[in-house]
Structures are given as C-alpha cells and as structure tokens.
Amino acid sequence: MEWTDKMIRNSWDSFQVMYENRYAVFGIGLTGIILCLVGAILMRKGKLKGLWIWLAGEWIPLFLNLAIIGTGMFQGWQLAGLLIPVVFTALYYSHKKYLA
C-alpha cells in the first residue's frame, strides 16, 4: 500500500501544477492537436512535410508539458502518455518511404 500512496501523492502534485498552469497547458495541447491534424492531412495527401509537422505536433507539446509539470507526469498510468507517441512515431516513420 505504500507504493500506491506514493503514486497518488505524486500524481496529486502534478495535477496541482497542471491546474496552476491550466491556460499554458491548454494552449500547448491545442497547438499540438492542430499541428497533428494538419500533418495527418498532409500525409494523407502523400506529402513528406506532413510527417515532420505531425512529429512536431506530437513531441513538442510533450516536452513543453514536461518542462512545466515536471517528471511527475510520467508516474503510474500517465506513462501511457509517453508510450502512444513512441508507437505512432515508429509506425509513421516506417512508412516514410511512401511519402513524396
């Protein structure tokens, strides 16, 4: 039970920091969503530039949130927030040869 108490306490601290910086976190998230959407549309059209825009939209918000919130955002189930970009980056990058 000690590890769950520590995990909840660390998560609570990161949620408090997120709440204090809610407007910055919201702006970063919205910018990332827009970049990912534009990049996906361009990749759908077969343009290589779309991959780089999508990568920027996927990874830059992650690092900016890491700078604001700290490493507490990668505790427990929140670690899935890092696993998803890694998997999709590997999948999209493996299909880079089909983009012009």
N, C-alpha and C. Protein backbone atom coordinates (compact mmCIF):
# COMPACT_ATOMS: atom_id res chain seq x y z
N MET A 1 0.80 -1.20 0.00
CA MET A 1 0.00 0.00 0.00
C MET A 1 0.85 1.27 0.00
N GLU A 2 2.10 1.15 0.37
CA GLU A 2 2.96 2.33 0.39
C GLU A 2 3.21 2.87 -1.01
N TRP A 3 3.37 1.98 -1.98
CA TRP A 3 3.65 2.43 -3.35
C TRP A 3 2.44 3.12 -3.95
N THR A 4 1.22 2.68 -3.61
CA THR A 4 0.03 3.37 -4.13
C THR A 4 -0.11 4.75 -3.49
N ASP A 5 0.21 4.84 -2.21
CA ASP A 5 0.14 6.13 -1.55
C ASP A 5 1.13 7.11 -2.16
N LYS A 6 2.34 6.63 -2.46
CA LYS A 6 3.35 7.48 -3.08
C LYS A 6 2.93 7.88 -4.49
N MET A 7 2.35 6.94 -5.25
CA MET A 7 1.92 7.23 -6.61
C MET A 7 0.80 8.27 -6.62
N ILE A 8 -0.15 8.14 -5.70
CA ILE A 8 -1.26 9.09 -5.63
C ILE A 8 -0.75 10.45 -5.20
N ARG A 9 0.16 10.48 -4.26
CA ARG A 9 0.71 11.75 -3.80
C ARG A 9 1.48 12.45 -4.92
N ASN A 10 2.27 11.71 -5.70
CA ASN A 10 3.00 12.31 -6.82
C ASN A 10 2.04 12.77 -7.92
N SER A 11 1.00 11.99 -8.17
CA SER A 11 0.01 12.38 -9.17
C SER A 11 -0.71 13.65 -8.73
N TRP A 12 -1.05 13.74 -7.45
CA TRP A 12 -1.74 14.91 -6.94
C TRP A 12 -0.89 16.16 -7.10
N ASP A 13 0.40 16.03 -6.85
CA ASP A 13 1.29 17.18 -7.02
C ASP A 13 1.33 17.63 -8.48
N SER A 14 1.41 16.68 -9.40
CA SER A 14 1.46 17.05 -10.82
C SER A 14 0.12 17.64 -11.26
N PHE A 15 -1.00 17.16 -10.71
CA PHE A 15 -2.30 17.74 -11.06
C PHE A 15 -2.43 19.16 -10.53
N GLN A 16 -1.86 19.43 -9.38
CA GLN A 16 -1.89 20.79 -8.85
C GLN A 16 -1.08 21.74 -9.73
N VAL A 17 0.08 21.29 -10.20
CA VAL A 17 0.89 22.12 -11.09
C VAL A 17 0.16 22.33 -12.41
N MET A 18 -0.49 21.28 -12.91
CA MET A 18 -1.26 21.43 -14.14
C MET A 18 -2.39 22.43 -13.97
N TYR A 19 -3.05 22.41 -12.82
CA TYR A 19 -4.14 23.35 -12.58
C TYR A 19 -3.63 24.78 -12.47
N GLU A 20 -2.50 24.96 -11.84
CA GLU A 20 -1.93 26.30 -11.72
C GLU A 20 -1.52 26.86 -13.08
N ASN A 21 -1.13 26.00 -13.98
CA ASN A 21 -0.71 26.41 -15.33
C ASN A 21 -1.71 25.95 -16.38
N ARG A 22 -2.98 25.94 -16.05
CA ARG A 22 -4.00 25.35 -16.92
C ARG A 22 -4.10 26.04 -18.27
N TYR A 23 -3.91 27.35 -18.33
CA TYR A 23 -4.03 28.05 -19.61
C TYR A 23 -2.85 27.73 -20.52
N ALA A 24 -1.66 27.63 -19.96
CA ALA A 24 -0.49 27.27 -20.76
C ALA A 24 -0.60 25.82 -21.24
N VAL A 25 -1.02 24.92 -20.37
CA VAL A 25 -1.17 23.51 -20.74
C VAL A 25 -2.24 23.36 -21.81
N PHE A 26 -3.35 24.12 -21.67
CA PHE A 26 -4.42 24.07 -22.68
C PHE A 26 -3.92 24.59 -24.02
N GLY A 27 -3.20 25.70 -24.01
CA GLY A 27 -2.67 26.26 -25.26
C GLY A 27 -1.68 25.32 -25.94
N ILE A 28 -0.83 24.71 -25.15
CA ILE A 28 0.14 23.76 -25.70
C ILE A 28 -0.58 22.56 -26.30
N GLY A 29 -1.58 22.05 -25.60
CA GLY A 29 -2.34 20.91 -26.10
C GLY A 29 -3.10 21.23 -27.37
N LEU A 30 -3.72 22.41 -27.42
CA LEU A 30 -4.47 22.81 -28.61
C LEU A 30 -3.55 23.00 -29.81
N THR A 31 -2.39 23.59 -29.58
CA THR A 31 -1.41 23.75 -30.65
C THR A 31 -0.93 22.39 -31.16
N GLY A 32 -0.69 21.46 -30.24
CA GLY A 32 -0.28 20.12 -30.65
C GLY A 32 -1.35 19.40 -31.45
N ILE A 33 -2.61 19.56 -31.06
CA ILE A 33 -3.71 18.93 -31.80
C ILE A 33 -3.80 19.49 -33.21
N ILE A 34 -3.69 20.81 -33.34
CA ILE A 34 -3.77 21.43 -34.66
C ILE A 34 -2.61 20.99 -35.55
N LEU A 35 -1.40 20.97 -35.00
CA LEU A 35 -0.24 20.53 -35.79
C LEU A 35 -0.38 19.06 -36.22
N CYS A 36 -0.85 18.21 -35.32
CA CYS A 36 -1.03 16.79 -35.66
C CYS A 36 -2.09 16.62 -36.74
N LEU A 37 -3.16 17.38 -36.64
CA LEU A 37 -4.24 17.28 -37.63
C LEU A 37 -3.77 17.75 -39.00
N VAL A 38 -3.08 18.88 -39.05
CA VAL A 38 -2.56 19.38 -40.32
C VAL A 38 -1.54 18.41 -40.90
N GLY A 39 -0.66 17.88 -40.05
CA GLY A 39 0.33 16.91 -40.52
C GLY A 39 -0.31 15.64 -41.04
N ALA A 40 -1.35 15.17 -40.37
CA ALA A 40 -2.04 13.95 -40.83
C ALA A 40 -2.73 14.18 -42.17
N ILE A 41 -3.31 15.37 -42.34
CA ILE A 41 -3.96 15.68 -43.62
C ILE A 41 -2.93 15.72 -44.74
N LEU A 42 -1.79 16.35 -44.46
CA LEU A 42 -0.74 16.41 -45.48
C LEU A 42 -0.16 15.03 -45.78
N MET A 43 -0.01 14.19 -44.76
CA MET A 43 0.47 12.82 -45.00
C MET A 43 -0.54 12.04 -45.82
N ARG A 44 -1.82 12.29 -45.58
CA ARG A 44 -2.87 11.61 -46.35
C ARG A 44 -2.78 11.98 -47.82
N LYS A 45 -2.34 13.22 -48.08
CA LYS A 45 -2.14 13.67 -49.46
C LYS A 45 -0.82 13.18 -50.03
N GLY A 46 0.00 12.52 -49.23
CA GLY A 46 1.25 11.94 -49.70
C GLY A 46 2.45 12.86 -49.59
N LYS A 47 2.37 13.88 -48.77
CA LYS A 47 3.47 14.83 -48.64
C LYS A 47 4.33 14.50 -47.43
N LEU A 48 5.64 14.50 -47.63
CA LEU A 48 6.59 14.19 -46.56
C LEU A 48 6.60 15.29 -45.49
N LYS A 49 6.31 16.52 -45.90
CA LYS A 49 6.28 17.62 -44.95
C LYS A 49 5.25 17.35 -43.84
N GLY A 50 4.20 16.63 -44.15
CA GLY A 50 3.19 16.29 -43.17
C GLY A 50 3.74 15.46 -42.02
N LEU A 51 4.69 14.58 -42.32
CA LEU A 51 5.30 13.76 -41.26
C LEU A 51 6.04 14.64 -40.27
N TRP A 52 6.77 15.62 -40.76
CA TRP A 52 7.55 16.48 -39.87
C TRP A 52 6.64 17.40 -39.06
N ILE A 53 5.55 17.86 -39.67
CA ILE A 53 4.59 18.68 -38.93
C ILE A 53 3.91 17.84 -37.87
N TRP A 54 3.56 16.61 -38.22
CA TRP A 54 2.91 15.73 -37.25
C TRP A 54 3.87 15.42 -36.09
N LEU A 55 5.14 15.16 -36.40
CA LEU A 55 6.12 14.89 -35.34
C LEU A 55 6.27 16.09 -34.41
N ALA A 56 6.26 17.28 -34.97
CA ALA A 56 6.34 18.49 -34.13
C ALA A 56 5.11 18.58 -33.24
N GLY A 57 3.95 18.30 -33.79
CA GLY A 57 2.73 18.37 -33.01
C GLY A 57 2.63 17.28 -31.96
N GLU A 58 3.33 16.20 -32.15
CA GLU A 58 3.27 15.09 -31.20
C GLU A 58 4.30 15.24 -30.08
N TRP A 59 5.51 15.67 -30.41
CA TRP A 59 6.59 15.65 -29.43
C TRP A 59 6.85 16.98 -28.74
N ILE A 60 6.69 18.10 -29.43
CA ILE A 60 6.95 19.41 -28.80
C ILE A 60 6.03 19.64 -27.60
N PRO A 61 4.71 19.39 -27.71
CA PRO A 61 3.88 19.56 -26.51
C PRO A 61 4.27 18.64 -25.36
N LEU A 62 4.74 17.46 -25.68
CA LEU A 62 5.16 16.54 -24.63
C LEU A 62 6.34 17.11 -23.85
N PHE A 63 7.32 17.66 -24.57
CA PHE A 63 8.49 18.22 -23.90
C PHE A 63 8.16 19.54 -23.19
N LEU A 64 7.27 20.35 -23.77
CA LEU A 64 6.89 21.59 -23.10
C LEU A 64 6.11 21.30 -21.81
N ASN A 65 5.21 20.32 -21.86
CA ASN A 65 4.50 19.93 -20.64
C ASN A 65 5.45 19.33 -19.62
N LEU A 66 6.44 18.62 -20.08
CA LEU A 66 7.45 18.08 -19.17
C LEU A 66 8.21 19.21 -18.48
N ALA A 67 8.48 20.29 -19.22
CA ALA A 67 9.18 21.43 -18.63
C ALA A 67 8.30 22.15 -17.62
N ILE A 68 7.00 22.20 -17.87
CA ILE A 68 6.09 22.91 -16.96
C ILE A 68 5.74 22.04 -15.76
N ILE A 69 5.32 20.81 -16.01
CA ILE A 69 4.79 19.95 -14.95
C ILE A 69 5.90 19.20 -14.22
N GLY A 70 6.90 18.77 -14.95
CA GLY A 70 7.99 18.00 -14.36
C GLY A 70 7.81 16.52 -14.61
N THR A 71 8.67 15.73 -14.03
CA THR A 71 8.64 14.29 -14.27
C THR A 71 7.49 13.59 -13.56
N GLY A 72 6.76 14.30 -12.73
CA GLY A 72 5.60 13.71 -12.08
C GLY A 72 4.51 13.30 -13.05
N MET A 73 4.58 13.84 -14.28
CA MET A 73 3.56 13.48 -15.26
C MET A 73 3.79 12.10 -15.86
N PHE A 74 4.91 11.47 -15.55
CA PHE A 74 5.19 10.12 -16.04
C PHE A 74 5.15 9.10 -14.93
N GLN A 75 4.20 9.20 -14.05
CA GLN A 75 4.06 8.27 -12.93
C GLN A 75 2.79 7.44 -13.13
N GLY A 76 2.88 6.19 -12.89
CA GLY A 76 1.70 5.33 -12.94
C GLY A 76 1.11 5.21 -14.33
N TRP A 77 -0.20 5.35 -14.41
CA TRP A 77 -0.92 5.20 -15.67
C TRP A 77 -0.64 6.34 -16.63
N GLN A 78 -0.12 7.44 -16.14
CA GLN A 78 0.19 8.56 -17.01
C GLN A 78 1.38 8.26 -17.92
N LEU A 79 2.06 7.17 -17.66
CA LEU A 79 3.17 6.74 -18.50
C LEU A 79 2.68 6.37 -19.89
N ALA A 80 1.40 6.01 -20.04
CA ALA A 80 0.84 5.70 -21.35
C ALA A 80 0.88 6.92 -22.26
N GLY A 81 0.91 8.11 -21.68
CA GLY A 81 1.04 9.32 -22.47
C GLY A 81 2.36 9.42 -23.21
N LEU A 82 3.34 8.66 -22.79
CA LEU A 82 4.62 8.61 -23.48
C LEU A 82 4.68 7.41 -24.43
N LEU A 83 4.00 6.35 -24.10
CA LEU A 83 4.03 5.15 -24.92
C LEU A 83 3.34 5.36 -26.26
N ILE A 84 2.24 6.07 -26.28
CA ILE A 84 1.48 6.28 -27.51
C ILE A 84 2.29 7.06 -28.55
N PRO A 85 2.93 8.20 -28.21
CA PRO A 85 3.75 8.88 -29.22
C PRO A 85 4.90 8.03 -29.75
N VAL A 86 5.50 7.22 -28.89
CA VAL A 86 6.60 6.37 -29.34
C VAL A 86 6.12 5.36 -30.37
N VAL A 87 4.99 4.73 -30.11
CA VAL A 87 4.45 3.72 -31.03
C VAL A 87 4.06 4.35 -32.36
N PHE A 88 3.32 5.46 -32.32
CA PHE A 88 2.89 6.09 -33.55
C PHE A 88 4.04 6.69 -34.34
N THR A 89 5.05 7.19 -33.66
CA THR A 89 6.23 7.70 -34.36
C THR A 89 6.93 6.57 -35.11
N ALA A 90 7.06 5.44 -34.46
CA ALA A 90 7.69 4.28 -35.13
C ALA A 90 6.86 3.82 -36.33
N LEU A 91 5.54 3.80 -36.17
CA LEU A 91 4.68 3.36 -37.28
C LEU A 91 4.74 4.33 -38.45
N TYR A 92 4.59 5.62 -38.18
CA TYR A 92 4.62 6.60 -39.25
C TYR A 92 6.00 6.69 -39.90
N TYR A 93 7.04 6.62 -39.10
CA TYR A 93 8.38 6.73 -39.65
C TYR A 93 8.73 5.51 -40.51
N SER A 94 8.19 4.36 -40.19
CA SER A 94 8.45 3.17 -41.01
C SER A 94 7.78 3.27 -42.37
N HIS A 95 6.74 4.08 -42.50
CA HIS A 95 6.05 4.26 -43.77
C HIS A 95 6.46 5.56 -44.48
N LYS A 96 7.58 6.12 -44.06
CA LYS A 96 8.07 7.37 -44.63
C LYS A 96 8.40 7.22 -46.12
N LYS A 97 8.76 6.02 -46.54
CA LYS A 97 9.17 5.82 -47.92
C LYS A 97 8.01 6.00 -48.92
N TYR A 98 6.76 5.96 -48.43
CA TYR A 98 5.61 6.14 -49.30
C TYR A 98 5.22 7.60 -49.48
N LEU A 99 5.89 8.48 -48.76
CA LEU A 99 5.59 9.91 -48.85
C LEU A 99 6.58 10.59 -49.79
N ALA A 100 6.07 11.53 -50.57
CA ALA A 100 6.94 12.22 -51.53
C ALA A 100 7.44 13.52 -50.97
